[in-house]
N, C-alpha and C. Protein backbone atom coordinates (compact mmCIF):
# COMPACT_ATOMS: atom_id res chain seq x y z
N MET A 1 0.84 -1.17 0.00
CA MET A 1 0.00 0.00 0.00
C MET A 1 0.89 1.24 0.00
N HIS A 2 0.46 2.27 -0.73
CA HIS A 2 1.19 3.52 -0.80
C HIS A 2 0.33 4.63 -0.22
N GLY A 3 0.96 5.74 0.14
CA GLY A 3 0.21 6.88 0.63
C GLY A 3 0.14 6.89 2.14
N PHE A 4 -0.97 7.32 2.67
CA PHE A 4 -1.14 7.40 4.12
C PHE A 4 -1.21 6.00 4.71
N THR A 5 -0.45 5.75 5.74
CA THR A 5 -0.50 4.45 6.40
C THR A 5 -1.25 4.50 7.71
N THR A 6 -1.41 5.69 8.28
CA THR A 6 -2.14 5.87 9.54
C THR A 6 -2.86 7.21 9.50
N ILE A 7 -4.10 7.23 9.95
CA ILE A 7 -4.83 8.49 10.08
C ILE A 7 -5.53 8.55 11.44
N ARG A 8 -5.80 9.76 11.86
CA ARG A 8 -6.58 10.02 13.07
C ARG A 8 -7.80 10.80 12.63
N ASP A 9 -8.99 10.24 12.84
CA ASP A 9 -10.24 10.88 12.46
C ASP A 9 -10.90 11.39 13.74
N LEU A 10 -10.87 12.71 13.93
CA LEU A 10 -11.44 13.29 15.14
C LEU A 10 -12.87 13.74 14.92
N GLU A 11 -13.69 12.83 14.57
CA GLU A 11 -15.13 12.97 14.41
C GLU A 11 -15.50 13.33 13.00
N SER A 12 -16.28 12.47 12.41
CA SER A 12 -16.94 12.77 11.15
C SER A 12 -18.33 13.25 11.54
N GLU A 13 -18.43 14.54 11.77
CA GLU A 13 -19.61 15.12 12.42
C GLU A 13 -20.91 14.70 11.77
N GLY A 14 -21.79 14.20 12.62
CA GLY A 14 -23.10 13.76 12.16
C GLY A 14 -23.13 12.33 11.67
N ALA A 15 -21.97 11.70 11.51
CA ALA A 15 -21.92 10.34 11.00
C ALA A 15 -22.00 9.30 12.13
N MET A 16 -22.19 9.79 13.35
CA MET A 16 -22.30 8.94 14.54
C MET A 16 -21.07 8.03 14.66
N TYR A 17 -21.21 6.73 14.46
CA TYR A 17 -20.10 5.80 14.68
C TYR A 17 -19.60 5.17 13.38
N ALA A 18 -19.85 5.84 12.26
CA ALA A 18 -19.43 5.31 10.96
C ALA A 18 -17.92 5.20 10.86
N ASP A 19 -17.19 6.05 11.60
CA ASP A 19 -15.73 5.95 11.57
C ASP A 19 -15.25 4.62 12.14
N VAL A 20 -15.97 4.11 13.14
CA VAL A 20 -15.63 2.80 13.71
C VAL A 20 -15.91 1.69 12.70
N ASP A 21 -17.04 1.81 12.00
CA ASP A 21 -17.37 0.81 10.97
C ASP A 21 -16.31 0.78 9.88
N LEU A 22 -15.88 1.96 9.45
CA LEU A 22 -14.84 2.03 8.42
C LEU A 22 -13.54 1.42 8.92
N LYS A 23 -13.18 1.74 10.16
CA LYS A 23 -11.96 1.17 10.77
C LYS A 23 -12.04 -0.36 10.81
N LYS A 24 -13.21 -0.89 11.20
CA LYS A 24 -13.39 -2.34 11.26
C LYS A 24 -13.26 -2.97 9.87
N ALA A 25 -13.83 -2.29 8.87
CA ALA A 25 -13.75 -2.81 7.50
C ALA A 25 -12.31 -2.88 7.03
N VAL A 26 -11.51 -1.88 7.37
CA VAL A 26 -10.08 -1.89 7.01
C VAL A 26 -9.38 -3.00 7.78
N ASN A 27 -9.60 -3.05 9.09
CA ASN A 27 -8.93 -4.05 9.94
C ASN A 27 -9.27 -5.48 9.55
N ASN A 28 -10.50 -5.68 9.06
CA ASN A 28 -10.94 -7.03 8.68
C ASN A 28 -10.64 -7.37 7.22
N GLY A 29 -9.94 -6.48 6.51
CA GLY A 29 -9.55 -6.75 5.13
C GLY A 29 -10.67 -6.65 4.12
N ILE A 30 -11.79 -6.06 4.51
CA ILE A 30 -12.91 -5.90 3.59
C ILE A 30 -12.59 -4.83 2.55
N ILE A 31 -11.93 -3.78 3.00
CA ILE A 31 -11.48 -2.72 2.09
C ILE A 31 -10.04 -2.37 2.44
N ASP A 32 -9.33 -1.82 1.46
CA ASP A 32 -7.98 -1.34 1.72
C ASP A 32 -8.06 0.03 2.38
N GLY A 33 -7.14 0.27 3.27
CA GLY A 33 -7.10 1.58 3.90
C GLY A 33 -6.02 1.63 4.96
N PRO A 34 -5.78 2.82 5.48
CA PRO A 34 -4.74 2.99 6.50
C PRO A 34 -5.22 2.53 7.87
N ARG A 35 -4.27 2.38 8.76
CA ARG A 35 -4.61 2.14 10.16
C ARG A 35 -5.33 3.39 10.66
N MET A 36 -6.44 3.20 11.37
CA MET A 36 -7.26 4.34 11.79
C MET A 36 -7.37 4.43 13.31
N PHE A 37 -7.25 5.64 13.80
CA PHE A 37 -7.54 5.98 15.18
C PHE A 37 -8.72 6.94 15.13
N VAL A 38 -9.85 6.58 15.75
CA VAL A 38 -11.09 7.32 15.57
C VAL A 38 -11.63 7.86 16.89
N ALA A 39 -12.47 8.89 16.77
CA ALA A 39 -13.02 9.54 17.96
C ALA A 39 -14.54 9.43 18.07
N THR A 40 -15.20 8.77 17.20
CA THR A 40 -16.67 8.66 17.20
C THR A 40 -17.28 10.06 17.33
N ARG A 41 -18.17 10.28 18.29
CA ARG A 41 -18.84 11.58 18.45
C ARG A 41 -18.06 12.47 19.42
N SER A 42 -18.00 13.73 19.12
CA SER A 42 -17.38 14.67 20.05
C SER A 42 -18.30 14.91 21.23
N ILE A 43 -17.74 15.47 22.28
CA ILE A 43 -18.50 15.78 23.49
C ILE A 43 -18.54 17.29 23.65
N ASN A 44 -19.71 17.80 23.96
CA ASN A 44 -19.89 19.22 24.23
C ASN A 44 -20.90 19.34 25.37
N THR A 45 -21.05 20.53 25.91
CA THR A 45 -21.99 20.74 26.99
C THR A 45 -23.36 21.13 26.43
N THR A 46 -24.38 20.80 27.16
CA THR A 46 -25.75 21.04 26.74
C THR A 46 -25.96 22.52 26.40
N GLY A 47 -26.52 22.75 25.22
CA GLY A 47 -26.85 24.10 24.79
C GLY A 47 -25.74 24.86 24.10
N HIS A 48 -24.55 24.28 23.97
CA HIS A 48 -23.43 25.00 23.39
C HIS A 48 -23.04 24.51 22.01
N TYR A 49 -23.80 23.59 21.46
CA TYR A 49 -23.56 23.12 20.09
C TYR A 49 -24.24 24.10 19.15
N PRO A 50 -23.60 24.43 18.02
CA PRO A 50 -24.20 25.44 17.12
C PRO A 50 -25.61 25.11 16.62
N LEU A 51 -25.93 23.83 16.46
CA LEU A 51 -27.29 23.47 16.07
C LEU A 51 -28.12 23.33 17.34
N ARG A 52 -28.83 24.38 17.67
CA ARG A 52 -29.60 24.41 18.91
C ARG A 52 -31.01 23.86 18.70
N ASN A 53 -31.58 23.38 19.78
CA ASN A 53 -32.95 22.87 19.72
C ASN A 53 -33.92 23.93 19.24
N SER A 54 -33.66 25.20 19.56
CA SER A 54 -34.56 26.29 19.17
C SER A 54 -34.58 26.53 17.66
N ALA A 55 -33.67 25.91 16.92
CA ALA A 55 -33.65 26.07 15.46
C ALA A 55 -34.72 25.22 14.78
N TYR A 56 -35.38 24.34 15.54
CA TYR A 56 -36.37 23.42 14.98
C TYR A 56 -37.68 23.57 15.73
N ALA A 57 -38.70 22.97 15.20
CA ALA A 57 -39.98 22.95 15.90
C ALA A 57 -39.80 22.26 17.25
N TRP A 58 -40.40 22.81 18.28
CA TRP A 58 -40.16 22.34 19.65
C TRP A 58 -40.48 20.86 19.86
N GLU A 59 -41.40 20.32 19.06
CA GLU A 59 -41.79 18.92 19.27
C GLU A 59 -40.83 17.93 18.62
N LEU A 60 -39.87 18.43 17.87
CA LEU A 60 -38.90 17.56 17.22
C LEU A 60 -37.66 17.37 18.09
N SER A 61 -37.21 16.16 18.17
CA SER A 61 -35.95 15.87 18.85
C SER A 61 -35.03 15.25 17.81
N LEU A 62 -34.20 16.09 17.21
CA LEU A 62 -33.34 15.64 16.12
C LEU A 62 -31.96 15.29 16.63
N PRO A 63 -31.31 14.29 16.03
CA PRO A 63 -29.96 13.93 16.48
C PRO A 63 -28.97 15.05 16.18
N LYS A 64 -27.96 15.12 17.01
CA LYS A 64 -26.89 16.10 16.83
C LYS A 64 -25.59 15.37 16.56
N GLY A 65 -24.63 16.08 16.00
CA GLY A 65 -23.34 15.48 15.70
C GLY A 65 -22.48 15.24 16.92
N VAL A 66 -22.87 15.79 18.05
CA VAL A 66 -22.08 15.64 19.28
C VAL A 66 -22.93 14.99 20.36
N GLN A 67 -22.25 14.53 21.40
CA GLN A 67 -22.94 14.04 22.58
C GLN A 67 -22.89 15.16 23.62
N GLU A 68 -24.05 15.63 24.04
CA GLU A 68 -24.10 16.74 24.99
C GLU A 68 -24.15 16.21 26.42
N ILE A 69 -23.45 16.92 27.29
CA ILE A 69 -23.40 16.54 28.71
C ILE A 69 -23.66 17.77 29.58
N THR A 70 -24.09 17.50 30.81
CA THR A 70 -24.18 18.53 31.85
C THR A 70 -23.65 17.90 33.13
N GLY A 71 -22.55 18.43 33.63
CA GLY A 71 -21.97 17.94 34.88
C GLY A 71 -20.91 16.88 34.68
N ALA A 72 -20.11 16.72 35.74
CA ALA A 72 -18.97 15.79 35.69
C ALA A 72 -19.41 14.34 35.54
N ASP A 73 -20.51 13.95 36.17
CA ASP A 73 -20.95 12.55 36.06
C ASP A 73 -21.35 12.21 34.63
N GLU A 74 -22.08 13.12 33.97
CA GLU A 74 -22.44 12.88 32.57
C GLU A 74 -21.21 12.90 31.68
N ALA A 75 -20.22 13.71 32.04
CA ALA A 75 -18.97 13.75 31.26
C ALA A 75 -18.28 12.39 31.31
N ARG A 76 -18.17 11.82 32.50
CA ARG A 76 -17.56 10.48 32.64
C ARG A 76 -18.35 9.44 31.85
N ARG A 77 -19.67 9.51 31.96
CA ARG A 77 -20.52 8.55 31.26
C ARG A 77 -20.32 8.67 29.75
N ALA A 78 -20.22 9.89 29.23
CA ALA A 78 -20.03 10.10 27.79
C ALA A 78 -18.72 9.49 27.32
N VAL A 79 -17.66 9.67 28.09
CA VAL A 79 -16.37 9.08 27.72
C VAL A 79 -16.49 7.56 27.67
N ARG A 80 -17.10 6.98 28.68
CA ARG A 80 -17.27 5.53 28.72
C ARG A 80 -18.11 5.04 27.53
N GLU A 81 -19.16 5.80 27.22
CA GLU A 81 -20.03 5.42 26.10
C GLU A 81 -19.27 5.49 24.78
N GLN A 82 -18.51 6.55 24.57
CA GLN A 82 -17.74 6.67 23.32
C GLN A 82 -16.76 5.50 23.19
N ILE A 83 -16.10 5.16 24.27
CA ILE A 83 -15.16 4.04 24.24
C ILE A 83 -15.89 2.73 23.96
N SER A 84 -17.09 2.58 24.53
CA SER A 84 -17.86 1.34 24.30
C SER A 84 -18.22 1.17 22.83
N TYR A 85 -18.35 2.29 22.10
CA TYR A 85 -18.65 2.22 20.67
C TYR A 85 -17.40 2.11 19.81
N GLY A 86 -16.22 2.18 20.43
CA GLY A 86 -14.99 1.97 19.68
C GLY A 86 -14.06 3.15 19.55
N ALA A 87 -14.29 4.21 20.33
CA ALA A 87 -13.42 5.38 20.24
C ALA A 87 -12.00 5.06 20.71
N ASP A 88 -11.02 5.49 19.90
CA ASP A 88 -9.61 5.42 20.30
C ASP A 88 -9.19 6.72 20.96
N TRP A 89 -9.80 7.80 20.55
CA TRP A 89 -9.56 9.14 21.08
C TRP A 89 -10.90 9.69 21.55
N ILE A 90 -10.84 10.60 22.52
CA ILE A 90 -12.01 11.34 22.96
C ILE A 90 -11.80 12.78 22.51
N LYS A 91 -12.82 13.34 21.86
CA LYS A 91 -12.72 14.73 21.39
C LYS A 91 -13.77 15.58 22.08
N VAL A 92 -13.36 16.79 22.48
CA VAL A 92 -14.28 17.76 23.06
C VAL A 92 -14.23 19.07 22.27
N TYR A 93 -15.32 19.79 22.30
CA TYR A 93 -15.36 21.18 21.83
C TYR A 93 -15.19 22.05 23.06
N ALA A 94 -14.00 22.61 23.25
CA ALA A 94 -13.67 23.28 24.51
C ALA A 94 -14.13 24.73 24.59
N ASP A 95 -14.30 25.41 23.46
CA ASP A 95 -14.72 26.80 23.53
C ASP A 95 -15.57 27.18 22.32
N ARG A 96 -16.14 28.39 22.37
CA ARG A 96 -17.05 28.88 21.32
C ARG A 96 -17.15 30.40 21.42
N GLY A 97 -17.90 31.01 20.52
CA GLY A 97 -18.21 32.43 20.60
C GLY A 97 -16.99 33.32 20.57
N TYR A 98 -16.15 33.16 19.59
CA TYR A 98 -14.85 33.83 19.54
C TYR A 98 -14.99 35.31 19.20
N TYR A 99 -14.14 36.12 19.85
CA TYR A 99 -14.13 37.55 19.59
C TYR A 99 -12.73 38.10 19.81
N ARG A 100 -12.51 39.29 19.28
CA ARG A 100 -11.19 39.92 19.35
C ARG A 100 -11.24 41.11 20.30
N LEU A 101 -10.26 41.20 21.17
CA LEU A 101 -10.15 42.32 22.11
C LEU A 101 -9.41 43.48 21.46
N PRO A 102 -9.54 44.69 22.03
CA PRO A 102 -8.83 45.84 21.47
C PRO A 102 -7.31 45.66 21.35
N ASP A 103 -6.72 44.84 22.23
CA ASP A 103 -5.27 44.63 22.15
C ASP A 103 -4.87 43.64 21.05
N GLY A 104 -5.86 43.13 20.30
CA GLY A 104 -5.58 42.21 19.20
C GLY A 104 -5.64 40.75 19.58
N SER A 105 -5.75 40.44 20.86
CA SER A 105 -5.84 39.03 21.28
C SER A 105 -7.26 38.51 21.07
N PHE A 106 -7.36 37.20 21.02
CA PHE A 106 -8.66 36.56 20.81
C PHE A 106 -9.12 35.91 22.10
N ARG A 107 -10.40 35.92 22.33
CA ARG A 107 -11.01 35.26 23.46
C ARG A 107 -12.23 34.49 22.99
N GLY A 108 -12.79 33.71 23.88
CA GLY A 108 -13.98 32.94 23.58
C GLY A 108 -14.69 32.59 24.86
N LEU A 109 -15.71 31.79 24.76
CA LEU A 109 -16.45 31.33 25.92
C LEU A 109 -16.13 29.86 26.15
N PRO A 110 -15.77 29.49 27.36
CA PRO A 110 -15.50 28.06 27.62
C PRO A 110 -16.80 27.26 27.59
N ASN A 111 -16.74 26.07 27.05
CA ASN A 111 -17.93 25.21 27.02
C ASN A 111 -18.09 24.41 28.30
N PHE A 112 -17.00 24.03 28.93
CA PHE A 112 -17.04 23.14 30.08
C PHE A 112 -16.64 23.87 31.35
N SER A 113 -17.22 23.47 32.47
CA SER A 113 -16.65 23.87 33.75
C SER A 113 -15.35 23.08 33.90
N GLN A 114 -14.46 23.54 34.77
CA GLN A 114 -13.21 22.80 34.95
C GLN A 114 -13.48 21.39 35.49
N ASP A 115 -14.51 21.24 36.33
CA ASP A 115 -14.86 19.91 36.84
C ASP A 115 -15.29 18.98 35.71
N GLU A 116 -16.06 19.50 34.76
CA GLU A 116 -16.52 18.67 33.65
C GLU A 116 -15.37 18.21 32.77
N ILE A 117 -14.51 19.15 32.38
CA ILE A 117 -13.42 18.77 31.47
C ILE A 117 -12.37 17.93 32.21
N ASN A 118 -12.19 18.17 33.51
CA ASN A 118 -11.30 17.30 34.29
C ASN A 118 -11.83 15.88 34.33
N ALA A 119 -13.14 15.74 34.47
CA ALA A 119 -13.74 14.39 34.49
C ALA A 119 -13.50 13.67 33.17
N ILE A 120 -13.58 14.39 32.07
CA ILE A 120 -13.31 13.80 30.75
C ILE A 120 -11.85 13.35 30.68
N GLY A 121 -10.94 14.24 31.09
CA GLY A 121 -9.52 13.88 31.07
C GLY A 121 -9.21 12.70 31.97
N ASP A 122 -9.77 12.71 33.18
CA ASP A 122 -9.54 11.61 34.13
C ASP A 122 -10.04 10.28 33.58
N GLU A 123 -11.25 10.29 33.04
CA GLU A 123 -11.84 9.04 32.54
C GLU A 123 -11.07 8.53 31.34
N ALA A 124 -10.66 9.43 30.45
CA ALA A 124 -9.87 9.00 29.29
C ALA A 124 -8.56 8.37 29.75
N ARG A 125 -7.90 8.98 30.71
CA ARG A 125 -6.64 8.42 31.24
C ARG A 125 -6.85 7.06 31.87
N LEU A 126 -7.93 6.90 32.64
CA LEU A 126 -8.22 5.60 33.28
C LEU A 126 -8.36 4.49 32.25
N GLU A 127 -8.89 4.85 31.09
CA GLU A 127 -9.12 3.88 30.02
C GLU A 127 -7.97 3.81 29.03
N HIS A 128 -6.86 4.49 29.35
CA HIS A 128 -5.67 4.53 28.48
C HIS A 128 -5.99 5.08 27.09
N LYS A 129 -6.84 6.10 27.06
CA LYS A 129 -7.18 6.79 25.82
C LYS A 129 -6.66 8.23 25.93
N LYS A 130 -6.44 8.84 24.78
CA LYS A 130 -6.03 10.24 24.74
C LYS A 130 -7.25 11.09 24.42
N PHE A 131 -7.14 12.36 24.81
CA PHE A 131 -8.25 13.23 24.41
C PHE A 131 -7.74 14.47 23.72
N ALA A 132 -8.52 14.87 22.72
CA ALA A 132 -8.21 16.03 21.88
C ALA A 132 -9.23 17.12 22.15
N ALA A 133 -8.75 18.35 22.17
CA ALA A 133 -9.64 19.48 22.42
C ALA A 133 -9.67 20.41 21.21
N HIS A 134 -10.84 20.56 20.62
CA HIS A 134 -11.08 21.61 19.64
C HIS A 134 -11.10 22.89 20.47
N ALA A 135 -10.00 23.64 20.45
CA ALA A 135 -9.87 24.82 21.29
C ALA A 135 -9.18 25.91 20.49
N VAL A 136 -9.81 27.07 20.43
CA VAL A 136 -9.30 28.15 19.61
C VAL A 136 -8.61 29.22 20.46
N THR A 137 -9.16 29.52 21.62
CA THR A 137 -8.65 30.62 22.46
C THR A 137 -8.17 30.10 23.81
N ARG A 138 -7.54 30.99 24.57
CA ARG A 138 -7.05 30.61 25.90
C ARG A 138 -8.17 30.08 26.78
N ASP A 139 -9.40 30.51 26.52
CA ASP A 139 -10.53 30.10 27.34
C ASP A 139 -10.81 28.60 27.24
N GLY A 140 -10.49 28.00 26.11
CA GLY A 140 -10.62 26.55 25.97
C GLY A 140 -9.30 25.84 26.09
N ILE A 141 -8.22 26.50 25.67
CA ILE A 141 -6.90 25.85 25.64
C ILE A 141 -6.38 25.59 27.06
N ILE A 142 -6.43 26.58 27.94
CA ILE A 142 -5.88 26.41 29.29
C ILE A 142 -6.62 25.32 30.05
N SER A 143 -7.96 25.34 30.00
CA SER A 143 -8.70 24.31 30.74
C SER A 143 -8.44 22.92 30.16
N SER A 144 -8.26 22.83 28.85
CA SER A 144 -7.98 21.54 28.21
C SER A 144 -6.59 21.02 28.60
N VAL A 145 -5.61 21.91 28.58
CA VAL A 145 -4.25 21.53 29.00
C VAL A 145 -4.25 21.08 30.46
N ASN A 146 -4.94 21.83 31.30
CA ASN A 146 -5.00 21.48 32.73
C ASN A 146 -5.70 20.15 32.96
N ALA A 147 -6.62 19.78 32.06
CA ALA A 147 -7.33 18.50 32.18
C ALA A 147 -6.57 17.35 31.55
N GLY A 148 -5.44 17.64 30.88
CA GLY A 148 -4.61 16.58 30.34
C GLY A 148 -4.80 16.29 28.86
N ALA A 149 -5.32 17.23 28.10
CA ALA A 149 -5.49 17.01 26.66
C ALA A 149 -4.16 16.65 26.01
N SER A 150 -4.20 15.68 25.12
CA SER A 150 -3.00 15.26 24.39
C SER A 150 -2.77 16.08 23.14
N SER A 151 -3.85 16.68 22.62
CA SER A 151 -3.69 17.56 21.47
C SER A 151 -4.69 18.70 21.55
N ILE A 152 -4.24 19.84 21.06
CA ILE A 152 -5.08 21.02 20.91
C ILE A 152 -5.28 21.20 19.41
N GLU A 153 -6.53 21.19 18.99
CA GLU A 153 -6.86 21.32 17.58
C GLU A 153 -7.23 22.76 17.27
N HIS A 154 -6.62 23.33 16.29
CA HIS A 154 -6.84 24.68 15.76
C HIS A 154 -5.97 25.72 16.47
N GLY A 155 -6.34 26.19 17.64
CA GLY A 155 -5.50 27.14 18.37
C GLY A 155 -5.25 28.45 17.66
N PHE A 156 -6.22 28.95 16.90
CA PHE A 156 -6.01 30.21 16.16
C PHE A 156 -5.59 31.35 17.07
N GLY A 157 -6.11 31.37 18.30
CA GLY A 157 -5.86 32.49 19.20
C GLY A 157 -4.64 32.31 20.09
N MET A 158 -3.67 31.54 19.64
CA MET A 158 -2.47 31.25 20.45
C MET A 158 -1.61 32.50 20.61
N ASP A 159 -1.06 32.63 21.82
CA ASP A 159 -0.03 33.64 22.07
C ASP A 159 1.18 32.91 22.65
N ASP A 160 2.23 33.62 22.98
CA ASP A 160 3.45 32.97 23.46
C ASP A 160 3.21 32.15 24.72
N GLU A 161 2.43 32.67 25.66
CA GLU A 161 2.14 31.93 26.90
C GLU A 161 1.42 30.62 26.59
N LEU A 162 0.46 30.66 25.67
CA LEU A 162 -0.27 29.45 25.32
C LEU A 162 0.61 28.45 24.59
N HIS A 163 1.50 28.93 23.74
CA HIS A 163 2.44 28.02 23.08
C HIS A 163 3.29 27.27 24.11
N ARG A 164 3.73 27.98 25.13
CA ARG A 164 4.52 27.32 26.20
C ARG A 164 3.67 26.30 26.95
N ALA A 165 2.43 26.66 27.25
CA ALA A 165 1.54 25.74 27.98
C ALA A 165 1.24 24.49 27.18
N VAL A 166 1.03 24.64 25.89
CA VAL A 166 0.67 23.51 25.04
C VAL A 166 1.86 22.60 24.78
N SER A 167 3.07 23.15 24.77
CA SER A 167 4.23 22.39 24.31
C SER A 167 4.77 21.38 25.31
N GLY A 168 4.20 21.26 26.48
CA GLY A 168 4.74 20.33 27.46
C GLY A 168 4.11 18.96 27.44
N GLU A 169 4.76 18.02 28.07
CA GLU A 169 4.22 16.68 28.36
C GLU A 169 3.75 15.90 27.14
N GLY A 170 4.45 16.04 26.02
CA GLY A 170 4.11 15.26 24.84
C GLY A 170 2.85 15.71 24.12
N ARG A 171 2.35 16.85 24.47
CA ARG A 171 1.14 17.40 23.85
C ARG A 171 1.49 18.03 22.51
N VAL A 172 0.55 18.03 21.59
CA VAL A 172 0.79 18.64 20.28
C VAL A 172 -0.30 19.66 19.96
N LEU A 173 0.08 20.63 19.16
CA LEU A 173 -0.85 21.60 18.60
C LEU A 173 -1.05 21.23 17.13
N VAL A 174 -2.28 20.96 16.75
CA VAL A 174 -2.60 20.67 15.36
C VAL A 174 -3.27 21.92 14.83
N SER A 175 -2.47 22.80 14.24
CA SER A 175 -2.96 24.11 13.83
C SER A 175 -3.22 24.14 12.34
N ASP A 176 -4.43 24.49 11.97
CA ASP A 176 -4.72 24.66 10.56
C ASP A 176 -4.58 26.13 10.16
N ASP A 177 -4.23 26.99 11.12
CA ASP A 177 -4.02 28.41 10.82
C ASP A 177 -2.86 28.59 9.85
N LEU A 178 -1.75 27.87 10.08
CA LEU A 178 -0.60 27.97 9.19
C LEU A 178 -0.99 27.48 7.79
N CYS A 179 -1.76 26.40 7.73
CA CYS A 179 -2.21 25.89 6.42
C CYS A 179 -3.03 26.94 5.69
N LYS A 180 -3.91 27.63 6.41
CA LYS A 180 -4.72 28.68 5.78
C LYS A 180 -3.82 29.79 5.25
N ARG A 181 -2.84 30.18 6.05
CA ARG A 181 -1.94 31.26 5.65
C ARG A 181 -1.11 30.85 4.43
N LEU A 182 -0.59 29.63 4.43
CA LEU A 182 0.20 29.17 3.29
C LEU A 182 -0.67 29.09 2.04
N GLY A 183 -1.90 28.61 2.20
CA GLY A 183 -2.81 28.51 1.08
C GLY A 183 -3.23 29.85 0.52
N SER A 184 -3.23 30.87 1.36
CA SER A 184 -3.65 32.20 0.91
C SER A 184 -2.50 33.00 0.31
N GLY A 185 -1.28 32.45 0.40
CA GLY A 185 -0.12 33.14 -0.16
C GLY A 185 0.46 34.21 0.74
N ARG A 186 -0.03 34.30 1.98
CA ARG A 186 0.49 35.32 2.89
C ARG A 186 1.90 34.97 3.30
N LYS A 187 2.72 35.98 3.48
CA LYS A 187 4.14 35.78 3.74
C LYS A 187 4.50 35.74 5.22
N SER A 188 3.65 36.23 6.12
CA SER A 188 4.01 36.26 7.53
C SER A 188 3.07 35.37 8.33
N TYR A 189 3.59 34.82 9.39
CA TYR A 189 2.86 33.82 10.15
C TYR A 189 2.96 34.11 11.64
N GLY A 190 1.83 34.04 12.33
CA GLY A 190 1.84 33.99 13.78
C GLY A 190 1.88 35.32 14.51
N ARG A 191 2.09 36.43 13.86
CA ARG A 191 2.11 37.70 14.57
C ARG A 191 0.68 38.15 14.79
N LYS A 192 0.42 38.74 15.97
CA LYS A 192 -0.93 39.20 16.28
C LYS A 192 -1.44 40.16 15.22
N SER A 193 -0.56 41.03 14.73
CA SER A 193 -0.99 42.02 13.75
C SER A 193 -1.40 41.38 12.43
N ASP A 194 -0.97 40.15 12.19
CA ASP A 194 -1.32 39.46 10.95
C ASP A 194 -2.64 38.70 11.05
N GLN A 195 -3.14 38.50 12.27
CA GLN A 195 -4.31 37.66 12.43
C GLN A 195 -5.58 38.43 12.09
N GLN A 196 -6.50 37.74 11.51
CA GLN A 196 -7.78 38.31 11.09
C GLN A 196 -8.86 37.90 12.10
N SER A 197 -9.92 38.67 12.14
CA SER A 197 -11.07 38.27 12.95
C SER A 197 -11.67 37.01 12.36
N PHE A 198 -12.29 36.23 13.19
CA PHE A 198 -12.93 35.02 12.72
C PHE A 198 -14.22 34.83 13.47
């Protein structure tokens, strides 16, 4: 086989557990493909997913691409449930509602209380799984790092302090900001003055 030999799929949003099915098909020789590490459904807190219940008729209960939790006990249960369906990684949406301050830095709203995200990190560690945090600003990045996240996804609002916090203990930053900048032909990278609102 040529090309990618291993991939990490951090949620095929809305596809529920199809990533596990695809992984099984590859592992069982039904189809050719790379070794897969999958995250099934992401975890978010109740009411903080962009597709809100208020967007639909009140009598409809439509499935969402994430598993919503409220409180540390539900957070632990969600991690256990994701693992029971075949998750190799646990993914959370750590922040939302991004905005830019007058000093040029970015902020957002945290999705989890520290107790909730700590419960996710603790449960993932107990099960020998890693967890990834979709985190754009310090409001999601710091709490995710403190809870033991193995990777920070995106990190558009990174500053020097956050880079130092993320770089420890084998943690990685998977930043698509640089990819966007390279794709747009921009010549400078990472300076606050170069960053655009999002």
